[in-house]
Amino acid sequence: MRDHQGRGLRIDADLLKDWLIIRSLYLWLPLGAGLLAGFALPPQGWLPLLWLALVPLWGARPRAGFAWGAAAVLVSHRWLLALHPLDWLGVPSPLSLPLVLGVLAVCALAGGGLVALWCGLVQWLGPRRWSTALWAALVWGLGEVLLARLPLFWIGLGVAPLPLDRPLAGLAALGGAGLVAAVQLLISWLLWRRAWSALLLLILAAHGLGWGALAAAGAGASAGPAVDSLRLQLVQPALPTRQKFELAQQRRLLALLDQAQLEAGRNGAAAVVLPEGSLLLGQPLQQPAALPILAGGFRREGLEERSSVLWIAKGALDPSRWLDKHRLVPLGEWVPGGEWLNWSGLSAVGGLSPGLPSRYLALPIGAVGVAICYELSDGTGLAQAVRAGAQWLLVVANLDPYPAQLQQQYLALAQLRAIETGRWLLSVANTGPSAVVDAQGLVRGQLPVGASLTAPLGLERRQGLTPYDRWGETPLAVLAGVLLLFRAWPKGRRDAAGWH
């Protein structure tokens, strides 16, 4: 293409016309591929289309990579548009839609910039070399894991196989989401190079290893034997976020909690579980808890307000144990300079302070690894909690007013976290998904989305560690470091040894 472009202005009119067509497609191809990638991510999980969408990146310059990344984020994060209207937060109606569009644009610009940087590195190193392909795939995978600890990241290639291709997602038990992402980049590189035999071998090997990891988790060989079962009574209140702090809605929530405690006693449940933000700051129960309550709510630590998971013991009115949210939602619960701007963010509970990084919470019903809403995208925190002794995972969220797309992405992330850690996971959300996922990433039970109800779900508390629990991203980082040393080896010696 570069040769053709170079001749186009110097030869006849036909070549000039061809050159103009090629120039016009220069950004349309990565833009279209990025849009396709955004649609292929969960909840669709159309992996073959995603692999095809990744192919142009291997020959893309930074400008084209920017177009690809921005387009992919615009499609995969379009659920952000559901924030509009923001009049319930005091934002004037004429400003609401531009503000929401601005948030989506910032996310798209960030995604485009990161992909542009990656494409620049690939072109600088030489995309046709196997060492470049492997190193670049590892860098992308490790980059997703690192970004998941920072504000602007939700989903990436690491969760792409779910919900349709659990065998490939099974690789997460061996190397986490970073390994799953890296393998898909390598598949796309082999497609780009049209190395069909190697492509088939990689796809079969990846699925075989992933299936083996899932089978080991099911048999207890990888994640350890089940300790025992645990039955919990879930409360899915389905309170509209725009109205949840009104007196009538709070009365409705407390009535549903009373109903859940009655049903939990009949169902033999060990505790009642409520979603994120259910109990208001300083709100005691109306009467002593008939059963232990594990609820999302708010508490104050000195002058700081925090979103937390609160444990209220049987017979108590106030929480005795808690774990605070550490990773706050940018522009929702945390705004840079918000204390000076007198603006707490795009949520009714903005202006929060983060808690400690640890996601481990010791409870009488078994040690648990906890993620509150947005924290589910960070698998390293839950793996650390499992290493500390967590026997099961709990994720609580609100997710209203967001559409089904976000709820399904959330469930796919929950499946990935369960596979990574070899632990059963319980998700409890205001409008859904409220579900239980086993250590193989299978959804074992789910409440109807959007319904206001209470129902019991059972899970297993487990011991033992998956390879990812033990070593995290260390093997991927070591391999990336070895490849860097290899590339630093003088080219003449590499060529003499037959390595390219």
Protein backbone atom coordinates (compact mmCIF):
# COMPACT_ATOMS: atom_id res chain seq x y z
CA MET A 1 0.00 0.00 0.00
CA ARG A 2 2.84 2.40 0.82
CA ASP A 3 4.44 1.76 -2.61
CA HIS A 4 1.11 2.34 -4.32
CA GLN A 5 0.63 5.59 -2.42
CA GLY A 6 4.08 6.74 -3.36
CA ARG A 7 3.44 6.24 -7.12
CA GLY A 8 -0.13 7.53 -7.13
CA LEU A 9 0.54 11.24 -7.54
CA ARG A 10 3.25 10.73 -10.13
CA ILE A 11 1.62 8.36 -12.64
CA ASP A 12 -1.61 8.53 -14.63
CA ALA A 13 -5.10 9.48 -13.58
CA ASP A 14 -6.19 5.89 -12.92
CA LEU A 15 -3.46 5.40 -10.36
CA LEU A 16 -4.29 8.78 -8.87
CA LYS A 17 -7.91 7.65 -8.49
CA ASP A 18 -6.77 4.37 -6.91
CA TRP A 19 -4.50 6.27 -4.54
CA LEU A 20 -7.34 8.52 -3.43
CA ILE A 21 -9.54 5.48 -2.78
CA ILE A 22 -6.80 3.85 -0.70
CA ARG A 23 -6.28 7.08 1.22
CA SER A 24 -10.00 7.32 1.91
CA LEU A 25 -10.00 3.78 3.28
CA TYR A 26 -6.95 4.41 5.43
CA LEU A 27 -9.03 5.28 8.50
CA TRP A 28 -12.32 3.71 7.45
CA LEU A 29 -10.90 0.18 7.75
CA PRO A 30 -9.66 0.49 11.37
CA LEU A 31 -12.74 2.53 12.25
CA GLY A 32 -15.03 -0.21 10.94
CA ALA A 33 -12.92 -2.91 12.60
CA GLY A 34 -13.12 -1.05 15.92
CA LEU A 35 -16.90 -0.80 15.67
CA LEU A 36 -17.03 -4.53 14.95
CA ALA A 37 -14.81 -5.24 17.97
CA GLY A 38 -17.10 -3.19 20.20
CA PHE A 39 -20.12 -5.22 19.10
CA ALA A 40 -18.23 -8.52 19.42
CA LEU A 41 -17.39 -7.95 23.10
CA PRO A 42 -19.81 -9.16 25.82
CA PRO A 43 -22.71 -9.60 25.98
CA GLN A 44 -22.49 -10.95 22.43
CA GLY A 45 -19.12 -12.70 22.84
CA TRP A 46 -18.68 -13.25 19.08
CA LEU A 47 -15.05 -14.35 19.19
CA PRO A 48 -14.41 -15.09 15.49
CA LEU A 49 -15.63 -11.60 14.59
CA LEU A 50 -13.44 -10.12 17.32
CA TRP A 51 -10.37 -11.95 16.02
CA LEU A 52 -11.06 -10.59 12.54
CA ALA A 53 -11.55 -7.10 13.96
CA LEU A 54 -8.12 -7.29 15.62
CA VAL A 55 -6.30 -8.22 12.41
CA PRO A 56 -5.90 -4.64 11.00
CA LEU A 57 -4.13 -3.52 14.18
CA TRP A 58 -0.97 -5.45 13.29
CA GLY A 59 -0.40 -3.28 10.23
CA ALA A 60 -1.88 -0.07 11.65
CA ARG A 61 -0.05 3.16 12.31
CA PRO A 62 -0.86 5.05 15.54
CA ARG A 63 -3.45 7.21 13.82
CA ALA A 64 -5.35 4.18 12.57
CA GLY A 65 -4.96 2.50 15.95
CA PHE A 66 -6.52 5.55 17.60
CA ALA A 67 -9.55 5.27 15.31
CA TRP A 68 -9.88 1.55 16.13
CA GLY A 69 -9.67 2.02 19.90
CA ALA A 70 -12.02 4.99 20.03
CA ALA A 71 -14.64 3.20 17.91
CA ALA A 72 -14.44 0.04 20.02
CA VAL A 73 -14.98 1.97 23.26
CA LEU A 74 -17.84 4.03 21.83
CA VAL A 75 -19.74 0.84 21.02
CA SER A 76 -18.81 -1.34 24.01
CA HIS A 77 -19.45 1.47 26.53
CA ARG A 78 -22.58 2.93 24.93
CA TRP A 79 -24.49 2.01 28.10
CA LEU A 80 -23.10 5.26 29.57
CA LEU A 81 -25.76 7.10 27.58
CA ALA A 82 -28.33 5.76 30.05
CA LEU A 83 -27.08 8.35 32.56
CA HIS A 84 -29.15 10.93 30.71
CA PRO A 85 -31.18 12.79 31.97
CA LEU A 86 -29.22 14.09 34.96
CA ASP A 87 -31.86 16.47 36.25
CA TRP A 88 -32.26 14.32 39.36
CA LEU A 89 -28.70 15.36 40.28
CA GLY A 90 -29.42 19.01 39.75
CA VAL A 91 -27.86 19.18 36.27
CA PRO A 92 -29.99 21.41 33.99
CA SER A 93 -31.67 19.52 31.15
CA PRO A 94 -29.86 21.42 28.34
CA LEU A 95 -26.51 20.40 29.85
CA SER A 96 -27.37 16.79 30.64
CA LEU A 97 -26.94 15.16 27.24
CA PRO A 98 -23.75 17.10 26.34
CA LEU A 99 -22.27 16.12 29.70
CA VAL A 100 -23.07 12.43 29.23
CA LEU A 101 -21.74 12.52 25.67
CA GLY A 102 -18.61 14.17 27.03
CA VAL A 103 -18.07 11.32 29.51
CA LEU A 104 -18.37 8.76 26.72
CA ALA A 105 -16.03 10.83 24.54
CA VAL A 106 -13.38 10.96 27.27
CA CYS A 107 -13.50 7.18 27.58
CA ALA A 108 -13.22 6.82 23.78
CA LEU A 109 -10.28 9.22 23.61
CA ALA A 110 -8.49 7.32 26.37
CA GLY A 111 -9.08 3.99 24.64
CA GLY A 112 -7.96 5.37 21.30
CA GLY A 113 -4.79 6.83 22.77
CA LEU A 114 -3.78 3.55 24.40
CA VAL A 115 -4.35 1.53 21.21
CA ALA A 116 -2.42 4.15 19.22
CA LEU A 117 0.53 3.79 21.58
CA TRP A 118 0.42 0.00 21.25
CA CYS A 119 0.31 0.21 17.45
CA GLY A 120 3.25 2.58 17.45
CA LEU A 121 5.32 0.11 19.49
CA VAL A 122 4.34 -2.77 17.19
CA GLN A 123 5.35 -0.90 14.04
CA TRP A 124 8.61 0.24 15.61
CA LEU A 125 9.57 -3.31 16.58
CA GLY A 126 8.47 -4.85 13.28
CA PRO A 127 5.04 -6.56 13.28
CA ARG A 128 6.06 -9.55 11.15
CA ARG A 129 8.45 -10.96 13.74
CA TRP A 130 7.12 -13.66 16.05
CA SER A 131 8.98 -12.08 18.98
CA THR A 132 7.16 -8.78 18.38
CA ALA A 133 3.81 -10.55 18.17
CA LEU A 134 4.33 -12.45 21.40
CA TRP A 135 5.71 -9.48 23.29
CA ALA A 136 2.99 -7.12 22.03
CA ALA A 137 0.26 -9.63 22.95
CA LEU A 138 1.69 -9.96 26.47
CA VAL A 139 1.95 -6.18 26.84
CA TRP A 140 -1.71 -5.78 25.83
CA GLY A 141 -2.77 -8.46 28.33
CA LEU A 142 -0.66 -7.07 31.16
CA GLY A 143 -1.84 -3.57 30.25
CA GLU A 144 -5.48 -4.56 30.72
CA VAL A 145 -4.66 -5.96 34.17
CA LEU A 146 -2.82 -2.77 35.14
CA LEU A 147 -5.55 -0.51 33.79
CA ALA A 148 -8.15 -2.42 35.82
CA ARG A 149 -6.53 -0.95 38.93
CA LEU A 150 -6.88 2.58 37.58
CA PRO A 151 -10.01 4.71 37.04
CA LEU A 152 -10.75 4.47 33.30
CA PHE A 153 -11.19 0.78 32.55
CA TRP A 154 -14.17 -1.57 32.49
CA ILE A 155 -13.88 -4.49 30.04
CA GLY A 156 -11.32 -5.65 27.49
CA LEU A 157 -10.22 -8.68 25.52
CA GLY A 158 -9.72 -10.68 28.71
CA VAL A 159 -13.47 -11.14 29.19
CA ALA A 160 -14.32 -11.42 25.48
CA PRO A 161 -14.84 -15.25 25.38
CA LEU A 162 -17.74 -15.05 27.82
CA PRO A 163 -20.50 -16.00 27.94
CA LEU A 164 -20.27 -18.26 24.86
CA ASP A 165 -16.74 -19.75 24.97
CA ARG A 166 -16.01 -20.89 28.52
CA PRO A 167 -13.21 -23.31 27.46
CA LEU A 168 -11.12 -20.42 26.15
CA ALA A 169 -12.01 -18.36 29.22
CA GLY A 170 -10.75 -21.31 31.28
CA LEU A 171 -7.21 -20.07 30.55
CA ALA A 172 -7.93 -17.41 33.18
CA ALA A 173 -7.45 -20.05 35.89
CA LEU A 174 -3.87 -20.42 34.63
CA GLY A 175 -2.89 -16.83 33.89
CA GLY A 176 -5.83 -14.54 34.50
CA ALA A 177 -7.54 -12.17 32.10
CA GLY A 178 -4.13 -11.06 30.81
CA LEU A 179 -3.40 -14.52 29.40
CA VAL A 180 -6.84 -14.73 27.76
CA ALA A 181 -6.29 -11.35 26.10
CA ALA A 182 -2.77 -12.25 24.92
CA VAL A 183 -3.90 -15.50 23.31
CA GLN A 184 -6.57 -13.69 21.29
CA LEU A 185 -4.01 -11.14 20.05
CA LEU A 186 -1.79 -14.03 18.93
CA ILE A 187 -4.72 -15.64 17.11
CA SER A 188 -5.33 -12.38 15.25
CA TRP A 189 -1.61 -12.11 14.38
CA LEU A 190 -1.63 -15.59 12.87
CA LEU A 191 -4.71 -14.60 10.88
CA TRP A 192 -2.86 -11.51 9.67
CA ARG A 193 0.15 -13.62 8.66
CA ARG A 194 -2.16 -16.29 7.19
CA ALA A 195 -0.28 -18.99 9.09
CA TRP A 196 -3.19 -21.44 8.99
CA SER A 197 -1.50 -24.48 10.52
CA ALA A 198 -0.11 -22.52 13.45
CA LEU A 199 -3.48 -20.79 13.85
CA LEU A 200 -5.37 -24.07 14.10
CA LEU A 201 -2.79 -25.44 16.53
CA LEU A 202 -3.03 -22.39 18.79
CA ILE A 203 -6.84 -22.41 18.85
CA LEU A 204 -6.98 -26.11 19.66
CA ALA A 205 -4.21 -25.87 22.29
CA ALA A 206 -5.78 -22.83 23.99
CA HIS A 207 -9.21 -24.45 24.17
CA GLY A 208 -7.70 -27.73 25.35
CA LEU A 209 -5.77 -26.09 28.17
CA GLY A 210 -8.77 -23.99 29.16
CA TRP A 211 -11.08 -26.98 29.16
CA GLY A 212 -8.58 -28.89 31.29
CA ALA A 213 -8.43 -26.06 33.82
CA LEU A 214 -12.22 -25.95 34.05
CA ALA A 215 -12.41 -29.72 34.43
CA ALA A 216 -9.83 -29.59 37.22
CA ALA A 217 -11.87 -26.90 39.01
CA GLY A 218 -14.99 -29.02 38.68
CA ALA A 219 -13.24 -32.09 40.02
CA GLY A 220 -11.64 -30.15 42.86
CA ALA A 221 -8.10 -30.90 41.66
CA SER A 222 -7.24 -27.26 40.98
CA ALA A 223 -9.38 -25.25 43.36
CA GLY A 224 -9.41 -27.79 46.17
CA PRO A 225 -12.30 -29.71 47.71
CA ALA A 226 -15.50 -28.01 48.69
CA VAL A 227 -15.54 -27.05 52.36
CA ASP A 228 -19.33 -27.10 52.65
CA SER A 229 -22.40 -25.46 51.21
CA LEU A 230 -23.77 -22.05 52.14
CA ARG A 231 -27.34 -20.90 51.60
CA LEU A 232 -28.10 -17.18 51.49
CA GLN A 233 -31.30 -15.18 51.09
CA LEU A 234 -30.92 -12.53 48.39
CA VAL A 235 -32.83 -9.26 48.28
CA GLN A 236 -33.18 -7.67 44.84
CA PRO A 237 -35.19 -4.49 45.62
CA ALA A 238 -35.26 -3.00 42.08
CA LEU A 239 -35.48 0.54 43.44
CA PRO A 240 -35.11 3.27 40.80
CA THR A 241 -31.85 5.06 41.58
CA ARG A 242 -33.46 8.39 40.79
CA GLN A 243 -35.97 7.76 43.61
CA LYS A 244 -34.26 5.32 45.99
CA PHE A 245 -33.56 7.92 48.69
CA GLU A 246 -37.20 8.97 48.91
CA LEU A 247 -39.02 7.99 52.10
CA ALA A 248 -41.52 5.76 50.29
CA GLN A 249 -38.78 3.80 48.56
CA GLN A 250 -36.83 3.34 51.78
CA ARG A 251 -39.94 2.00 53.51
CA ARG A 252 -40.40 -0.40 50.62
CA LEU A 253 -36.81 -1.60 51.02
CA LEU A 254 -37.18 -2.18 54.77
CA ALA A 255 -40.43 -4.08 54.21
CA LEU A 256 -38.67 -6.30 51.68
CA LEU A 257 -35.84 -6.85 54.19
CA ASP A 258 -38.35 -7.95 56.85
CA GLN A 259 -39.90 -10.34 54.33
CA ALA A 260 -36.47 -11.72 53.44
CA GLN A 261 -35.65 -12.45 57.09
CA LEU A 262 -38.90 -14.38 57.51
CA GLU A 263 -38.29 -16.39 54.35
CA ALA A 264 -34.63 -16.95 55.23
CA GLY A 265 -35.66 -18.63 58.48
CA ARG A 266 -37.93 -21.02 56.58
CA ASN A 267 -35.32 -21.67 53.85
CA GLY A 268 -32.49 -22.39 56.24
CA ALA A 269 -30.41 -19.47 54.95
CA ALA A 270 -27.38 -18.42 56.98
CA ALA A 271 -27.78 -14.68 56.24
CA VAL A 272 -29.69 -12.11 54.20
CA VAL A 273 -27.74 -10.24 51.50
CA LEU A 274 -28.64 -6.82 50.07
CA PRO A 275 -27.04 -4.96 47.13
CA GLU A 276 -24.77 -1.92 47.04
CA GLY A 277 -26.05 1.24 48.70
CA SER A 278 -29.10 -0.34 50.34
CA LEU A 279 -28.65 1.10 53.87
CA LEU A 280 -28.29 4.86 54.21
CA LEU A 281 -25.60 6.58 56.24
CA GLY A 282 -26.31 6.12 59.95
CA GLN A 283 -29.51 4.18 59.25
CA PRO A 284 -30.14 1.55 61.97
CA LEU A 285 -32.55 -1.33 61.51
CA GLN A 286 -36.10 -0.84 62.74
CA GLN A 287 -35.76 -3.93 64.92
CA PRO A 288 -32.93 -6.31 65.89
CA ALA A 289 -31.88 -8.56 63.02
CA ALA A 290 -33.60 -11.92 63.15
CA LEU A 291 -30.71 -13.33 61.07
CA PRO A 292 -27.30 -11.93 60.15
CA ILE A 293 -27.49 -9.28 57.42
CA LEU A 294 -24.79 -8.61 54.83
CA ALA A 295 -25.73 -5.36 53.12
CA GLY A 296 -24.28 -2.70 50.91
CA GLY A 297 -24.54 0.65 52.61
CA PHE A 298 -22.72 3.75 53.76
CA ARG A 299 -20.71 4.58 56.83
CA ARG A 300 -18.57 7.42 58.11
CA GLU A 301 -14.89 7.15 59.01
CA GLY A 302 -13.97 10.41 60.72
CA LEU A 303 -15.01 13.11 58.25
CA GLU A 304 -15.02 10.71 55.29
CA GLU A 305 -18.10 9.00 53.87
CA ARG A 306 -17.57 5.54 52.41
CA SER A 307 -19.53 2.99 50.43
CA SER A 308 -19.20 -0.36 52.19
CA VAL A 309 -20.39 -3.89 52.69
CA LEU A 310 -21.77 -4.03 56.24
CA TRP A 311 -22.16 -7.08 58.49
CA ILE A 312 -24.99 -6.83 61.05
CA ALA A 313 -24.95 -9.74 63.49
CA LYS A 314 -28.09 -11.56 64.61
CA GLY A 315 -29.90 -9.54 67.28
CA ALA A 316 -27.99 -6.32 66.45
CA LEU A 317 -29.19 -3.01 65.02
CA ASP A 318 -25.89 -1.64 63.75
CA PRO A 319 -22.99 -3.15 61.76
CA SER A 320 -20.08 -4.70 63.63
CA ARG A 321 -17.86 -5.52 60.62
CA TRP A 322 -17.39 -3.91 57.23
CA LEU A 323 -15.26 -3.58 54.14
CA ASP A 324 -15.05 -0.25 52.34
CA LYS A 325 -15.05 0.31 48.61
CA HIS A 326 -11.53 1.05 47.40
CA ARG A 327 -11.88 1.65 43.64
CA LEU A 328 -14.33 4.49 43.19
CA VAL A 329 -16.22 5.18 39.98
CA PRO A 330 -14.63 8.19 38.23
CA LEU A 331 -17.04 11.09 37.66
CA GLY A 332 -19.61 9.09 39.63
CA GLU A 333 -18.29 8.72 43.17
CA TRP A 334 -15.05 10.62 42.73
CA VAL A 335 -14.24 13.76 40.76
CA PRO A 336 -10.71 15.23 40.61
CA GLY A 337 -10.93 18.57 42.39
CA GLY A 338 -14.56 17.96 43.26
CA GLU A 339 -14.07 19.45 46.71
CA TRP A 340 -13.21 22.79 45.11
CA LEU A 341 -15.70 22.56 42.26
CA ASN A 342 -18.58 21.91 44.67
CA TRP A 343 -19.63 18.98 42.46
CA SER A 344 -19.64 15.41 43.78
CA GLY A 345 -20.16 13.57 40.51
CA LEU A 346 -22.72 11.82 38.35
CA SER A 347 -24.36 9.79 41.08
CA ALA A 348 -26.61 10.39 44.04
CA VAL A 349 -23.87 9.24 46.42
CA GLY A 350 -20.93 11.14 44.92
CA GLY A 351 -18.10 12.60 46.96
CA LEU A 352 -17.03 9.33 48.60
CA SER A 353 -13.60 8.42 49.98
CA PRO A 354 -11.80 5.15 49.20
CA GLY A 355 -11.14 2.46 51.79
CA LEU A 356 -8.17 0.11 52.11
CA PRO A 357 -7.09 -1.93 49.05
CA SER A 358 -7.67 -5.36 50.65
CA ARG A 359 -10.81 -7.18 49.42
CA TYR A 360 -10.69 -9.79 52.21
CA LEU A 361 -13.43 -9.84 54.83
CA ALA A 362 -13.55 -12.42 57.64
CA LEU A 363 -17.13 -13.35 58.55
CA PRO A 364 -18.78 -15.98 60.76
CA ILE A 365 -20.26 -17.53 57.60
CA GLY A 366 -16.82 -17.92 56.02
CA ALA A 367 -14.08 -15.58 54.82
CA VAL A 368 -15.12 -13.81 51.64
CA GLY A 369 -13.52 -11.79 48.85
CA VAL A 370 -15.64 -8.69 48.20
CA ALA A 371 -16.02 -6.47 45.14
CA ILE A 372 -18.35 -3.49 45.21
CA CYS A 373 -19.75 -2.64 41.79
CA TYR A 374 -16.95 -1.26 39.57
CA GLU A 375 -14.29 -3.21 41.51
CA LEU A 376 -15.37 -6.39 39.72
CA SER A 377 -13.23 -5.41 36.72
CA ASP A 378 -10.06 -5.83 38.85
CA GLY A 379 -9.29 -9.53 39.24
CA THR A 380 -6.01 -9.07 41.12
CA GLY A 381 -7.75 -7.80 44.26
CA LEU A 382 -10.03 -10.84 44.48
CA ALA A 383 -7.13 -13.23 43.79
CA GLN A 384 -5.23 -11.63 46.68
CA ALA A 385 -8.27 -12.10 48.91
CA VAL A 386 -8.39 -15.79 47.96
CA ARG A 387 -4.69 -16.15 48.79
CA ALA A 388 -5.51 -14.61 52.17
CA GLY A 389 -8.12 -17.31 52.80
CA ALA A 390 -11.38 -16.23 51.15
CA GLN A 391 -13.61 -19.27 50.58
CA TRP A 392 -16.16 -17.57 48.30
CA LEU A 393 -16.69 -14.28 46.47
CA LEU A 394 -19.38 -11.65 46.91
CA VAL A 395 -20.05 -8.79 44.48
CA VAL A 396 -22.71 -6.18 45.19
CA ALA A 397 -23.87 -3.50 42.78
CA ASN A 398 -26.62 -1.08 41.87
CA LEU A 399 -26.46 -0.83 38.02
CA ASP A 400 -29.67 1.18 37.73
CA PRO A 401 -30.44 3.05 35.43
CA TYR A 402 -28.08 1.23 33.10
CA PRO A 403 -29.50 -1.10 30.40
CA ALA A 404 -29.27 -4.86 29.96
CA GLN A 405 -25.98 -4.51 28.06
CA LEU A 406 -24.12 -3.43 31.20
CA GLN A 407 -25.81 -6.06 33.35
CA GLN A 408 -24.71 -8.79 30.93
CA GLN A 409 -21.17 -7.42 30.83
CA TYR A 410 -21.21 -7.47 34.63
CA LEU A 411 -22.28 -11.11 34.68
CA ALA A 412 -19.54 -12.01 32.17
CA LEU A 413 -16.97 -10.36 34.45
CA ALA A 414 -18.39 -12.30 37.40
CA GLN A 415 -17.93 -15.54 35.46
CA LEU A 416 -14.33 -14.60 34.67
CA ARG A 417 -13.51 -13.79 38.30
CA ALA A 418 -14.96 -17.14 39.42
CA ILE A 419 -12.83 -19.01 36.86
CA GLU A 420 -9.67 -17.08 37.80
CA THR A 421 -9.96 -17.78 41.51
CA GLY A 422 -11.63 -21.20 41.52
CA ARG A 423 -14.30 -19.84 43.86
CA TRP A 424 -18.07 -19.72 43.72
CA LEU A 425 -19.31 -16.17 43.32
CA LEU A 426 -22.53 -14.55 44.49
CA SER A 427 -23.70 -11.41 42.69
CA VAL A 428 -26.39 -9.28 44.34
CA ALA A 429 -27.56 -6.20 42.44
CA ASN A 430 -30.41 -3.74 42.75
CA THR A 431 -32.02 -4.59 39.41
CA GLY A 432 -29.78 -7.53 38.48
CA PRO A 433 -27.82 -9.54 37.77
CA SER A 434 -28.43 -11.34 41.06
CA ALA A 435 -26.96 -14.77 40.49
CA VAL A 436 -24.61 -17.47 41.71
CA VAL A 437 -21.69 -18.61 39.53
CA ASP A 438 -19.68 -21.77 40.23
CA ALA A 439 -15.89 -22.22 40.04
CA GLN A 440 -16.16 -23.23 36.35
CA GLY A 441 -17.93 -20.01 35.38
CA LEU A 442 -21.36 -21.64 35.05
CA VAL A 443 -24.36 -19.60 36.18
CA ARG A 444 -26.07 -21.98 38.62
CA GLY A 445 -29.03 -19.77 39.48
CA GLN A 446 -30.29 -16.26 38.71
CA LEU A 447 -33.15 -14.04 39.83
CA PRO A 448 -35.39 -12.43 37.17
CA VAL A 449 -33.81 -9.18 36.04
CA GLY A 450 -35.69 -6.05 37.08
CA ALA A 451 -38.05 -7.83 39.48
CA SER A 452 -38.45 -6.74 43.09
CA LEU A 453 -38.20 -9.94 45.14
CA THR A 454 -36.28 -12.02 47.63
CA ALA A 455 -35.12 -15.58 47.00
CA PRO A 456 -32.55 -18.09 48.32
CA LEU A 457 -29.44 -19.18 46.40
CA GLY A 458 -26.83 -21.71 47.46
CA LEU A 459 -23.09 -21.85 46.85
CA GLU A 460 -20.00 -23.80 47.92
CA ARG A 461 -17.22 -22.51 50.12
CA ARG A 462 -13.92 -23.83 48.81
CA GLN A 463 -10.26 -24.07 49.70
CA GLY A 464 -7.14 -24.46 47.58
CA LEU A 465 -5.64 -22.17 44.94
CA THR A 466 -5.63 -22.01 41.16
CA PRO A 467 -2.33 -21.27 39.38
CA TYR A 468 -3.54 -17.70 38.91
CA ASP A 469 -4.26 -17.38 42.63
CA ARG A 470 -0.70 -18.50 43.38
CA TRP A 471 1.31 -16.57 40.82
CA GLY A 472 -0.96 -13.92 39.34
CA GLU A 473 0.61 -12.18 36.33
CA THR A 474 4.18 -13.06 37.33
CA PRO A 475 4.68 -15.72 34.59
CA LEU A 476 3.40 -13.32 31.90
CA ALA A 477 5.61 -10.50 33.17
CA VAL A 478 8.68 -12.77 33.29
CA LEU A 479 8.05 -13.97 29.72
CA ALA A 480 7.65 -10.38 28.52
CA GLY A 481 10.93 -9.51 30.23
CA VAL A 482 12.72 -12.45 28.60
CA LEU A 483 11.45 -11.34 25.19
CA LEU A 484 12.78 -7.84 25.80
CA LEU A 485 16.21 -9.29 26.62
CA PHE A 486 16.00 -11.40 23.46
CA ARG A 487 15.23 -8.34 21.36
CA ALA A 488 18.14 -6.52 23.00
CA TRP A 489 20.47 -9.30 21.87
CA PRO A 490 22.53 -7.99 18.90
CA LYS A 491 20.67 -8.52 15.64
CA GLY A 492 23.66 -10.08 13.93
CA ARG A 493 23.88 -12.83 16.52
CA ARG A 494 20.12 -13.46 16.31
CA ASP A 495 20.29 -13.75 12.54
CA ALA A 496 23.28 -16.06 12.74
CA ALA A 497 21.39 -18.28 15.15
CA GLY A 498 18.30 -18.29 12.88
CA TRP A 499 16.07 -16.28 15.28
CA HIS A 500 14.02 -13.40 13.88
